[in-house]
Amino acid sequence: MIRKSELSRRAFVGALAAAPVAAAGDGWVDLFDGHSLNGWKPSENKNSWKIADGRLAADGPRSHLFYTGPVRGANFRNFELEVEAMARPLANSGVFFHTAYQETGFPAKGFEIQISNTYVGEGSYRERKKTGSLYAVRNVYSQLVADDQWFKIHALVRGKNIQVRINGVLVVDYTEPTPPVIPPGQHTGRFLDRGTFALQCHNQGSRAFFRNVRVRPLPDDAPTPAGPAPVADEVFRQIVALSAENYPVVDYHVHLKEGLTLEQALAQSRRDGIQYGIAINCGKGFPTDNDDAARAFVDSLKAQPVFIAMQAEGREWTQMFSRRAAGLFDYIFTDSMTWTDNRGRRMRLWIPDEVGTIADPQEFMDTLVDRAVGILEREPVDIYVNPTFLPDVLAKDYDRLWTEARMRKVTGAAARNQVAIELNSRYQLPSPAFVRMAKEAGCKFTFGTNNTGPKDLARSEYGLRMVNECGLRWQDFFVPGAWAPKAVERKGNALRA
């Protein structure tokens, strides 16, 4: 409630007159009347907020617009919030909840739902968190909406649970553990409590627009939705920490196999705080062996909060797919597990019968390294996955066979060709020595599982371990198209026309 002691009589009467009325029967209340800032209070640089054509415009130096109106005394615990927003190119903005008015700086209390489609950052900083992110806690790394288009943010807070939807698609489903895990470097106020809402004008040049801002208050004792309580183990904590420190926490190597459905994968992605790249095997001997099949897979995942990946199988794939079809994928990855030896025998290294007896392991390794370097030099791939994999008969001698000279040949080729190195959880590859050498060479890295089904879809544990052991920074990690043009744009001539 607004107290008369806090306002002049005239202002108080005006505030009551401007108070929105809930739509009959549904509990929704408009917070923005479409023509004034009644019920809202801007912080520093107040002129950064303007109203035109029934919308709020954020355009100017940093400022935050806080709801201070009469609905629930501007103090919400559980609620549904809907905001329609539009971002101009390179804009950075956001919607805060459980926050409190402050005159300067970024809100120190509450959570932010990020608005950033094409914002790249300032100076040497590169922003990775895209629209829909629960900023620094559960991030979205793929672009879900286009600039200059209106979209709807829907936030639902009940008890310890936060859900965020963008245009009706659930992108965040975060249940806060007890006690809360506070992202490092963030204010201690980043935990579920209660408070008001705020809209962000992040910086000069970040132009964003808002309309149809409305809330449906829920009872303060609304329960957390049923489900298993989160276990804030060391992996959970490290994922939150990396999310806050700008690492793209993405598993780029996930397969919908052995009964794992897209719905199950998305639920696990939201639970673990790891966005997925969903991959389809493309090449000789696989169902997806032509452009039409590749396009159908891409179409099946459009509008989903995932990256879409082509796993290029074998060495024949470049003549099986056109540049245009391959370009539909967010990225392409391959490995050196399928190749033809010097005697003309095509083998898949994970199948012992095809590998057979290896009479001369040194010759085999030299051939493997030669094939791997050839793949990295010639094929239009963005990520080298299952790196340094050896067949079972040689795996026990991994450290002896992967000599420094052999590792340097592969890491050098990857660096020259801007191919990222996967930190593979399934095979626990490559070795820390290889990772350090790849970092020294200037390679980027990715997290990847290469799951066989739902039971071995991991939480990037091996990659998290390599971050710690090898001192990997957020700048060392791959994001499609962020550091260099996609490989299909750089080496598209290697593909069928």
Protein backbone atom coordinates (compact mmCIF):
# COMPACT_ATOMS: atom_id res chain seq x y z
CA MET A 1 0.00 0.00 0.00
CA ILE A 2 1.02 3.63 -0.60
CA ARG A 3 0.87 5.62 2.65
CA LYS A 4 -0.42 9.21 2.67
CA SER A 5 2.57 10.20 4.75
CA GLU A 6 4.82 9.36 1.83
CA LEU A 7 3.01 11.47 -0.76
CA SER A 8 1.30 14.79 -0.98
CA ARG A 9 -2.48 14.50 -0.96
CA ARG A 10 -2.63 15.37 -4.67
CA ALA A 11 -0.01 12.77 -5.61
CA PHE A 12 -1.72 10.17 -3.46
CA VAL A 13 -5.08 10.69 -5.14
CA GLY A 14 -3.40 10.59 -8.55
CA ALA A 15 -1.66 7.32 -7.74
CA LEU A 16 -4.90 5.70 -6.68
CA ALA A 17 -6.62 6.89 -9.85
CA ALA A 18 -3.83 5.42 -11.94
CA ALA A 19 -3.81 2.07 -10.12
CA PRO A 20 -4.65 -0.68 -12.62
CA VAL A 21 -7.64 -2.90 -12.11
CA ALA A 22 -7.35 -6.67 -12.37
CA ALA A 23 -9.12 -8.25 -15.30
CA ALA A 24 -12.27 -9.94 -14.14
CA GLY A 25 -11.70 -13.42 -12.87
CA ASP A 26 -8.12 -14.03 -13.95
CA GLY A 27 -6.15 -12.13 -11.34
CA TRP A 28 -3.87 -10.32 -13.82
CA VAL A 29 -3.05 -6.67 -13.13
CA ASP A 30 -1.47 -4.23 -15.57
CA LEU A 31 1.54 -2.45 -14.09
CA PHE A 32 2.11 -0.04 -16.99
CA ASP A 33 -0.79 2.11 -18.15
CA GLY A 34 0.64 2.74 -21.61
CA HIS A 35 0.95 6.52 -21.37
CA SER A 36 2.71 7.52 -18.12
CA LEU A 37 5.26 6.45 -15.52
CA ASN A 38 2.62 6.31 -12.79
CA GLY A 39 3.74 3.56 -10.43
CA TRP A 40 7.31 3.51 -11.75
CA LYS A 41 10.46 5.25 -10.56
CA PRO A 42 13.62 5.59 -12.64
CA SER A 43 17.05 5.54 -11.02
CA GLU A 44 20.09 7.48 -12.26
CA ASN A 45 19.89 9.12 -15.69
CA LYS A 46 16.14 9.42 -15.49
CA ASN A 47 15.88 10.80 -19.03
CA SER A 48 16.90 7.38 -20.36
CA TRP A 49 13.21 6.40 -20.03
CA LYS A 50 10.59 7.72 -22.43
CA ILE A 51 7.05 6.75 -23.39
CA ALA A 52 5.87 6.69 -26.99
CA ASP A 53 3.14 4.82 -28.85
CA GLY A 54 2.06 2.97 -25.73
CA ARG A 55 5.48 1.54 -24.93
CA LEU A 56 8.36 2.23 -22.59
CA ALA A 57 11.61 3.05 -24.34
CA ALA A 58 15.00 2.43 -22.73
CA ASP A 59 17.43 4.66 -24.61
CA GLY A 60 20.36 6.40 -22.95
CA PRO A 61 22.94 6.02 -20.20
CA ARG A 62 22.49 3.36 -17.51
CA SER A 63 19.21 3.54 -15.63
CA HIS A 64 16.73 1.13 -14.07
CA LEU A 65 12.99 1.64 -13.93
CA PHE A 66 11.53 0.20 -10.71
CA TYR A 67 7.88 -0.60 -10.09
CA THR A 68 6.82 1.37 -6.98
CA GLY A 69 3.05 1.34 -7.46
CA PRO A 70 0.21 0.17 -5.23
CA VAL A 71 -0.17 -3.43 -6.40
CA ARG A 72 0.84 -5.61 -3.43
CA GLY A 73 2.76 -2.61 -2.13
CA ALA A 74 5.34 -3.32 -4.87
CA ASN A 75 6.45 -6.29 -2.81
CA PHE A 76 5.99 -9.69 -4.44
CA ARG A 77 7.11 -13.13 -3.33
CA ASN A 78 5.26 -15.54 -5.63
CA PHE A 79 3.84 -14.34 -8.93
CA GLU A 80 3.39 -14.69 -12.65
CA LEU A 81 4.86 -11.83 -14.65
CA GLU A 82 4.43 -11.13 -18.35
CA VAL A 83 6.39 -8.53 -20.27
CA GLU A 84 6.46 -7.92 -23.99
CA ALA A 85 9.86 -6.66 -25.10
CA MET A 86 11.77 -5.75 -28.22
CA ALA A 87 15.53 -5.25 -28.50
CA ARG A 88 17.30 -3.26 -31.15
CA PRO A 89 20.56 -4.64 -32.63
CA LEU A 90 23.40 -4.90 -30.08
CA ALA A 91 21.05 -4.06 -27.19
CA ASN A 92 21.59 -5.33 -23.66
CA SER A 93 18.65 -5.11 -21.27
CA GLY A 94 16.75 -7.15 -18.73
CA VAL A 95 13.83 -7.64 -16.37
CA PHE A 96 14.53 -7.88 -12.62
CA PHE A 97 12.38 -9.39 -9.90
CA HIS A 98 12.67 -9.64 -6.10
CA THR A 99 14.66 -6.42 -6.30
CA ALA A 100 14.54 -3.07 -4.52
CA TYR A 101 14.93 0.53 -5.62
CA GLN A 102 18.43 1.96 -5.59
CA GLU A 103 19.51 5.28 -6.98
CA THR A 104 22.69 4.23 -8.77
CA GLY A 105 24.34 1.13 -10.19
CA PHE A 106 23.00 -2.25 -11.15
CA PRO A 107 20.40 -3.73 -8.77
CA ALA A 108 22.16 -5.44 -5.87
CA LYS A 109 19.15 -7.56 -4.94
CA GLY A 110 17.13 -10.11 -6.82
CA PHE A 111 17.41 -11.91 -10.16
CA GLU A 112 17.62 -10.70 -13.76
CA ILE A 113 16.03 -12.23 -16.82
CA GLN A 114 18.44 -11.29 -19.59
CA ILE A 115 17.48 -9.55 -22.83
CA SER A 116 20.38 -9.83 -25.27
CA ASN A 117 20.07 -11.14 -28.80
CA THR A 118 23.13 -9.75 -30.55
CA TYR A 119 24.92 -7.77 -27.84
CA VAL A 120 28.62 -8.68 -27.95
CA GLY A 121 29.99 -6.93 -24.86
CA GLU A 122 32.30 -4.03 -24.22
CA GLY A 123 36.07 -3.80 -24.54
CA SER A 124 37.62 -7.26 -24.31
CA TYR A 125 34.55 -8.72 -22.58
CA ARG A 126 32.30 -10.90 -24.72
CA GLU A 127 28.80 -11.47 -23.39
CA ARG A 128 27.63 -15.07 -23.77
CA LYS A 129 24.29 -14.93 -21.92
CA LYS A 130 21.36 -14.56 -24.31
CA THR A 131 17.71 -13.60 -23.99
CA GLY A 132 15.88 -15.79 -21.49
CA SER A 133 18.86 -16.41 -19.22
CA LEU A 134 18.35 -16.29 -15.47
CA TYR A 135 21.46 -14.20 -15.43
CA ALA A 136 24.58 -15.90 -13.99
CA VAL A 137 22.53 -18.78 -12.55
CA ARG A 138 20.91 -20.60 -15.47
CA ASN A 139 22.06 -19.22 -18.80
CA VAL A 140 20.78 -19.57 -22.36
CA TYR A 141 23.57 -19.41 -24.95
CA SER A 142 21.67 -19.81 -28.23
CA GLN A 143 19.74 -16.90 -29.74
CA LEU A 144 16.02 -17.56 -29.40
CA VAL A 145 14.54 -14.33 -30.78
CA ALA A 146 15.51 -11.84 -33.44
CA ASP A 147 16.26 -8.18 -32.98
CA ASP A 148 13.49 -5.70 -33.85
CA GLN A 149 10.77 -8.26 -33.08
CA TRP A 150 8.39 -8.23 -30.14
CA PHE A 151 8.56 -11.27 -27.91
CA LYS A 152 6.98 -12.29 -24.61
CA ILE A 153 8.80 -13.01 -21.36
CA HIS A 154 6.82 -15.07 -18.87
CA ALA A 155 8.28 -15.55 -15.39
CA LEU A 156 6.67 -17.80 -12.78
CA VAL A 157 7.98 -17.90 -9.20
CA ARG A 158 6.52 -20.36 -6.71
CA GLY A 159 8.32 -21.13 -3.48
CA LYS A 160 11.90 -22.08 -4.37
CA ASN A 161 11.23 -22.53 -8.08
CA ILE A 162 11.75 -20.10 -10.98
CA GLN A 163 10.49 -20.77 -14.48
CA VAL A 164 11.17 -18.53 -17.47
CA ARG A 165 9.46 -18.87 -20.82
CA ILE A 166 10.24 -17.00 -24.02
CA ASN A 167 7.33 -16.90 -26.45
CA GLY A 168 5.82 -19.81 -24.54
CA VAL A 169 8.95 -22.00 -24.63
CA LEU A 170 10.27 -23.05 -21.22
CA VAL A 171 13.97 -22.12 -21.10
CA VAL A 172 14.68 -21.98 -17.34
CA ASP A 173 13.34 -24.27 -14.63
CA TYR A 174 15.51 -23.62 -11.58
CA THR A 175 14.82 -24.85 -8.08
CA GLU A 176 16.98 -23.07 -5.56
CA PRO A 177 18.73 -25.38 -3.09
CA THR A 178 18.78 -24.82 0.64
CA PRO A 179 20.91 -22.93 1.49
CA PRO A 180 21.08 -20.99 -1.78
CA VAL A 181 24.18 -21.21 -3.96
CA ILE A 182 25.27 -17.62 -4.57
CA PRO A 183 27.13 -17.11 -7.87
CA PRO A 184 30.70 -15.97 -7.22
CA GLY A 185 31.26 -12.32 -7.90
CA GLN A 186 27.53 -11.63 -7.59
CA HIS A 187 25.82 -9.69 -4.85
CA THR A 188 24.68 -11.69 -1.85
CA GLY A 189 21.11 -10.68 -2.70
CA ARG A 190 20.92 -13.26 -5.50
CA PHE A 191 18.50 -15.59 -3.74
CA LEU A 192 14.74 -15.99 -3.66
CA ASP A 193 13.15 -13.57 -1.24
CA ARG A 194 10.61 -10.91 -2.19
CA GLY A 195 10.68 -7.49 -3.78
CA THR A 196 9.62 -5.45 -6.77
CA PHE A 197 10.25 -5.52 -10.52
CA ALA A 198 12.60 -3.39 -12.60
CA LEU A 199 13.38 -2.86 -16.27
CA GLN A 200 16.91 -2.18 -17.44
CA CYS A 201 18.52 0.43 -19.63
CA HIS A 202 22.02 -1.05 -19.55
CA ASN A 203 24.13 1.49 -21.40
CA GLN A 204 24.13 4.19 -24.04
CA GLY A 205 23.29 2.51 -27.35
CA SER A 206 21.34 -0.39 -25.80
CA ARG A 207 17.86 0.42 -27.04
CA ALA A 208 14.99 -1.73 -25.79
CA PHE A 209 11.21 -1.34 -25.62
CA PHE A 210 8.57 -2.72 -23.26
CA ARG A 211 4.80 -2.95 -23.29
CA ASN A 212 1.96 -4.93 -21.71
CA VAL A 213 3.71 -5.32 -18.37
CA ARG A 214 1.39 -7.24 -16.09
CA VAL A 215 1.48 -9.44 -13.01
CA ARG A 216 -0.70 -12.09 -11.40
CA PRO A 217 0.20 -12.16 -7.71
CA LEU A 218 0.18 -15.58 -6.08
CA PRO A 219 -0.16 -16.40 -2.38
CA ASP A 220 2.98 -15.94 -0.32
CA ASP A 221 2.73 -19.56 0.77
CA ALA A 222 2.44 -20.96 -2.76
CA PRO A 223 4.39 -24.24 -2.62
CA THR A 224 7.41 -25.19 -4.67
CA PRO A 225 6.24 -27.50 -7.51
CA ALA A 226 6.61 -31.19 -6.72
CA GLY A 227 9.86 -32.83 -7.76
CA PRO A 228 13.16 -34.00 -6.38
CA ALA A 229 15.00 -31.41 -4.33
CA PRO A 230 18.21 -30.20 -5.96
CA VAL A 231 21.44 -31.54 -4.54
CA ALA A 232 23.98 -28.74 -4.40
CA ASP A 233 27.00 -31.00 -4.86
CA GLU A 234 30.37 -29.85 -6.15
CA VAL A 235 29.32 -30.21 -9.81
CA PHE A 236 26.17 -28.14 -9.20
CA ARG A 237 28.25 -25.44 -7.54
CA GLN A 238 30.87 -25.39 -10.28
CA ILE A 239 28.22 -25.08 -12.99
CA VAL A 240 26.73 -22.06 -11.19
CA ALA A 241 30.21 -20.61 -10.73
CA LEU A 242 31.12 -21.00 -14.41
CA SER A 243 27.73 -19.60 -15.45
CA ALA A 244 28.45 -16.50 -13.40
CA GLU A 245 31.98 -16.19 -14.76
CA ASN A 246 30.87 -16.10 -18.41
CA TYR A 247 31.87 -19.64 -19.42
CA PRO A 248 29.47 -21.03 -22.05
CA VAL A 249 28.26 -24.09 -20.13
CA VAL A 250 27.10 -26.06 -23.18
CA ASP A 251 27.32 -29.77 -23.93
CA TYR A 252 27.73 -29.61 -27.71
CA HIS A 253 27.62 -33.39 -28.20
CA VAL A 254 24.22 -34.82 -27.21
CA HIS A 255 22.35 -37.50 -29.16
CA LEU A 256 18.66 -38.41 -29.01
CA LYS A 257 19.31 -42.17 -28.94
CA GLU A 258 18.09 -45.32 -27.22
CA GLY A 259 14.81 -43.80 -26.13
CA LEU A 260 16.11 -40.38 -25.07
CA THR A 261 13.46 -37.94 -26.26
CA LEU A 262 13.86 -34.24 -26.90
CA GLU A 263 11.52 -33.52 -23.99
CA GLN A 264 13.65 -35.60 -21.63
CA ALA A 265 16.84 -33.97 -22.86
CA LEU A 266 15.42 -30.47 -22.40
CA ALA A 267 14.23 -31.32 -18.89
CA GLN A 268 17.69 -32.57 -17.93
CA SER A 269 19.31 -29.54 -19.55
CA ARG A 270 17.19 -27.20 -17.45
CA ARG A 271 17.76 -29.23 -14.29
CA ASP A 272 21.54 -29.37 -14.65
CA GLY A 273 22.04 -25.85 -16.00
CA ILE A 274 23.82 -27.09 -19.13
CA GLN A 275 22.46 -26.10 -22.53
CA TYR A 276 22.66 -28.82 -25.17
CA GLY A 277 23.73 -29.06 -28.76
CA ILE A 278 21.61 -31.85 -30.26
CA ALA A 279 23.52 -33.72 -32.96
CA ILE A 280 22.56 -36.05 -35.79
CA ASN A 281 25.01 -38.53 -37.31
CA CYS A 282 25.43 -37.71 -40.99
CA GLY A 283 27.33 -39.85 -43.45
CA LYS A 284 27.85 -43.24 -45.01
CA GLY A 285 25.79 -45.97 -43.38
CA PHE A 286 23.56 -43.60 -41.40
CA PRO A 287 19.89 -42.74 -42.04
CA THR A 288 20.85 -39.09 -42.52
CA ASP A 289 22.91 -39.38 -45.69
CA ASN A 290 21.51 -36.63 -47.93
CA ASP A 291 20.46 -32.99 -47.93
CA ASP A 292 16.74 -33.67 -47.48
CA ALA A 293 17.30 -35.75 -44.35
CA ALA A 294 19.65 -33.12 -42.95
CA ARG A 295 17.11 -30.35 -43.55
CA ALA A 296 14.36 -32.40 -41.90
CA PHE A 297 16.44 -32.77 -38.74
CA VAL A 298 17.16 -29.04 -38.57
CA ASP A 299 13.47 -28.24 -39.11
CA SER A 300 12.50 -30.61 -36.27
CA LEU A 301 14.50 -28.54 -33.76
CA LYS A 302 13.67 -25.02 -34.87
CA ALA A 303 12.42 -22.76 -32.07
CA GLN A 304 13.80 -25.15 -29.45
CA PRO A 305 16.32 -23.83 -26.88
CA VAL A 306 19.17 -25.93 -28.25
CA PHE A 307 22.02 -25.67 -30.70
CA ILE A 308 21.64 -27.89 -33.78
CA ALA A 309 24.69 -29.93 -34.78
CA MET A 310 25.86 -32.12 -37.63
CA GLN A 311 28.14 -34.99 -36.67
CA ALA A 312 30.08 -35.64 -39.85
CA GLU A 313 30.79 -39.38 -40.09
CA GLY A 314 33.60 -40.93 -42.10
CA ARG A 315 35.56 -39.14 -44.73
CA GLU A 316 32.94 -39.42 -47.46
CA TRP A 317 30.57 -36.92 -45.90
CA THR A 318 31.89 -33.88 -47.76
CA GLN A 319 30.60 -35.29 -51.04
CA MET A 320 27.27 -36.38 -49.59
CA PHE A 321 26.04 -32.98 -48.39
CA SER A 322 25.88 -29.60 -50.06
CA ARG A 323 27.30 -26.44 -48.62
CA ARG A 324 23.81 -25.00 -48.32
CA ALA A 325 22.45 -27.95 -46.32
CA ALA A 326 25.50 -28.11 -44.05
CA GLY A 327 25.19 -24.38 -43.46
CA LEU A 328 21.80 -24.87 -41.81
CA PHE A 329 23.49 -26.35 -38.74
CA ASP A 330 24.87 -24.17 -35.96
CA TYR A 331 28.15 -26.07 -36.17
CA ILE A 332 29.69 -29.27 -37.53
CA PHE A 333 31.88 -31.69 -35.64
CA THR A 334 33.76 -34.84 -36.48
CA ASP A 335 36.41 -37.18 -35.08
CA SER A 336 39.26 -39.29 -36.40
CA MET A 337 37.64 -42.58 -35.45
CA THR A 338 36.72 -43.57 -39.03
CA TRP A 339 39.39 -43.65 -41.72
CA THR A 340 41.11 -45.83 -44.31
CA ASP A 341 44.58 -47.16 -43.57
CA ASN A 342 47.57 -47.34 -45.91
CA ARG A 343 46.38 -50.73 -47.19
CA GLY A 344 42.96 -49.46 -48.25
CA ARG A 345 41.05 -50.87 -45.27
CA ARG A 346 38.28 -48.60 -43.91
CA MET A 347 37.92 -49.00 -40.16
CA ARG A 348 35.93 -47.62 -37.27
CA LEU A 349 38.23 -47.53 -34.28
CA TRP A 350 35.57 -48.31 -31.67
CA ILE A 351 34.76 -51.67 -33.34
CA PRO A 352 37.47 -54.24 -32.44
CA ASP A 353 36.65 -56.55 -35.37
CA GLU A 354 37.27 -53.75 -37.85
CA VAL A 355 40.52 -52.70 -36.18
CA GLY A 356 41.82 -56.24 -35.97
CA THR A 357 45.37 -56.92 -34.86
CA ILE A 358 47.74 -53.97 -34.80
CA ALA A 359 51.14 -55.45 -35.55
CA ASP A 360 53.01 -52.15 -35.40
CA PRO A 361 51.50 -49.68 -32.92
CA GLN A 362 53.98 -46.94 -33.88
CA GLU A 363 53.05 -47.15 -37.56
CA PHE A 364 49.38 -47.15 -36.57
CA MET A 365 49.85 -44.01 -34.47
CA ASP A 366 51.71 -42.20 -37.22
CA THR A 367 48.87 -43.01 -39.61
CA LEU A 368 46.25 -41.93 -37.07
CA VAL A 369 47.99 -38.60 -36.53
CA ASP A 370 48.35 -38.11 -40.29
CA ARG A 371 44.63 -38.78 -40.79
CA ALA A 372 43.65 -36.49 -37.91
CA VAL A 373 45.78 -33.62 -39.27
CA GLY A 374 44.28 -34.16 -42.73
CA ILE A 375 40.76 -33.95 -41.33
CA LEU A 376 41.54 -30.75 -39.46
CA GLU A 377 43.25 -29.18 -42.46
CA ARG A 378 40.73 -30.06 -45.16
CA GLU A 379 37.27 -30.70 -43.73
CA PRO A 380 34.90 -27.83 -42.81
CA VAL A 381 34.43 -28.74 -39.14
CA ASP A 382 34.13 -26.53 -36.08
CA ILE A 383 34.88 -29.06 -33.31
CA TYR A 384 37.19 -32.08 -33.12
CA VAL A 385 35.38 -34.56 -30.87
CA ASN A 386 36.46 -37.74 -29.11
CA PRO A 387 39.98 -36.34 -29.49
CA THR A 388 42.98 -38.70 -29.20
CA PHE A 389 40.70 -41.76 -29.03
CA LEU A 390 42.55 -45.06 -29.37
CA PRO A 391 41.13 -48.53 -30.08
CA ASP A 392 40.83 -50.87 -27.12
CA VAL A 393 43.99 -52.80 -27.98
CA LEU A 394 46.09 -49.62 -27.62
CA ALA A 395 44.18 -47.64 -25.01
CA LYS A 396 46.25 -48.97 -22.10
CA ASP A 397 49.35 -47.40 -23.67
CA TYR A 398 47.72 -44.00 -24.29
CA ASP A 399 50.35 -41.91 -22.47
CA ARG A 400 53.24 -43.68 -24.16
CA LEU A 401 51.77 -43.60 -27.67
CA TRP A 402 50.54 -40.02 -27.57
CA THR A 403 54.00 -38.51 -27.58
CA GLU A 404 54.64 -34.78 -27.35
CA ALA A 405 55.51 -34.65 -31.06
CA ARG A 406 52.25 -36.35 -32.04
CA MET A 407 50.18 -34.13 -29.79
CA ARG A 408 51.85 -31.02 -31.22
CA LYS A 409 50.97 -32.03 -34.76
CA VAL A 410 47.28 -32.38 -33.89
CA THR A 411 46.98 -29.32 -31.65
CA GLY A 412 48.88 -27.22 -34.19
CA ALA A 413 46.52 -28.27 -37.00
CA ALA A 414 43.47 -27.56 -34.83
CA ALA A 415 44.78 -24.09 -33.93
CA ARG A 416 45.69 -23.19 -37.52
CA ASN A 417 42.24 -24.19 -38.73
CA GLN A 418 40.26 -22.72 -35.82
CA VAL A 419 38.84 -26.09 -34.80
CA ALA A 420 37.83 -26.38 -31.15
CA ILE A 421 38.83 -29.36 -29.01
CA GLU A 422 36.14 -31.32 -27.18
CA LEU A 423 36.58 -32.20 -23.51
CA ASN A 424 34.80 -35.53 -23.74
CA SER A 425 33.09 -36.94 -20.66
CA ARG A 426 32.31 -40.37 -22.07
CA TYR A 427 35.90 -41.30 -22.88
CA GLN A 428 37.62 -38.88 -20.46
CA LEU A 429 39.60 -37.43 -23.35
CA PRO A 430 41.92 -35.81 -24.22
CA SER A 431 44.57 -36.05 -21.51
CA PRO A 432 45.46 -33.02 -19.38
CA ALA A 433 48.82 -32.87 -21.19
CA PHE A 434 47.02 -32.58 -24.53
CA VAL A 435 44.65 -29.94 -23.14
CA ARG A 436 47.52 -27.82 -21.86
CA MET A 437 49.31 -28.10 -25.18
CA ALA A 438 46.14 -27.18 -27.08
CA LYS A 439 45.61 -24.16 -24.84
CA GLU A 440 49.19 -23.06 -25.43
CA ALA A 441 48.63 -23.37 -29.18
CA GLY A 442 45.57 -21.11 -28.95
CA CYS A 443 42.79 -23.68 -29.38
CA LYS A 444 39.27 -23.20 -28.08
CA PHE A 445 37.48 -25.93 -26.12
CA THR A 446 34.00 -27.36 -25.70
CA PHE A 447 32.23 -29.61 -23.24
CA GLY A 448 30.84 -32.80 -24.78
CA THR A 449 29.28 -36.07 -23.66
CA ASN A 450 28.71 -38.25 -26.77
CA ASN A 451 26.02 -40.14 -24.90
CA THR A 452 24.68 -43.50 -26.06
CA GLY A 453 21.25 -42.82 -24.57
CA PRO A 454 19.53 -41.33 -21.51
CA LYS A 455 21.58 -43.17 -18.89
CA ASP A 456 25.01 -41.75 -19.74
CA LEU A 457 24.09 -38.13 -20.48
CA ALA A 458 26.61 -36.60 -18.10
CA ARG A 459 27.08 -33.22 -16.44
CA SER A 460 30.34 -32.42 -18.23
CA GLU A 461 32.30 -33.65 -15.23
CA TYR A 462 35.47 -34.31 -17.20
CA GLY A 463 35.39 -30.89 -18.80
CA LEU A 464 34.82 -29.24 -15.44
CA ARG A 465 37.84 -31.11 -14.12
CA MET A 466 39.96 -29.89 -17.04
CA VAL A 467 38.89 -26.30 -16.36
CA ASN A 468 40.40 -26.60 -12.89
CA GLU A 469 43.44 -28.72 -13.72
CA CYS A 470 44.48 -26.81 -16.83
CA GLY A 471 43.48 -23.30 -15.85
CA LEU A 472 41.01 -22.81 -18.70
CA ARG A 473 39.31 -19.39 -18.82
CA TRP A 474 36.01 -18.36 -20.36
CA GLN A 475 37.98 -16.89 -23.27
CA ASP A 476 39.23 -20.41 -24.07
CA PHE A 477 35.77 -21.74 -24.89
CA PHE A 478 34.03 -22.06 -28.24
CA VAL A 479 30.70 -20.47 -29.12
CA PRO A 480 29.35 -21.01 -32.66
CA GLY A 481 30.31 -18.08 -34.85
CA ALA A 482 31.63 -15.99 -31.95
CA TRP A 483 35.39 -16.25 -32.44
CA ALA A 484 35.50 -16.96 -36.17
CA PRO A 485 33.06 -17.54 -39.04
CA LYS A 486 31.58 -21.03 -39.11
CA ALA A 487 33.79 -23.61 -40.80
CA VAL A 488 31.25 -24.13 -43.58
CA GLU A 489 31.69 -20.45 -44.44
CA ARG A 490 35.48 -20.69 -44.33
CA LYS A 491 35.89 -24.04 -46.11
CA GLY A 492 32.60 -24.48 -47.92
CA ASN A 493 34.37 -25.38 -51.15
CA ALA A 494 35.22 -28.76 -49.64
CA LEU A 495 31.54 -29.67 -49.80
CA ARG A 496 29.42 -30.73 -52.70
CA ALA A 497 27.98 -27.78 -54.58
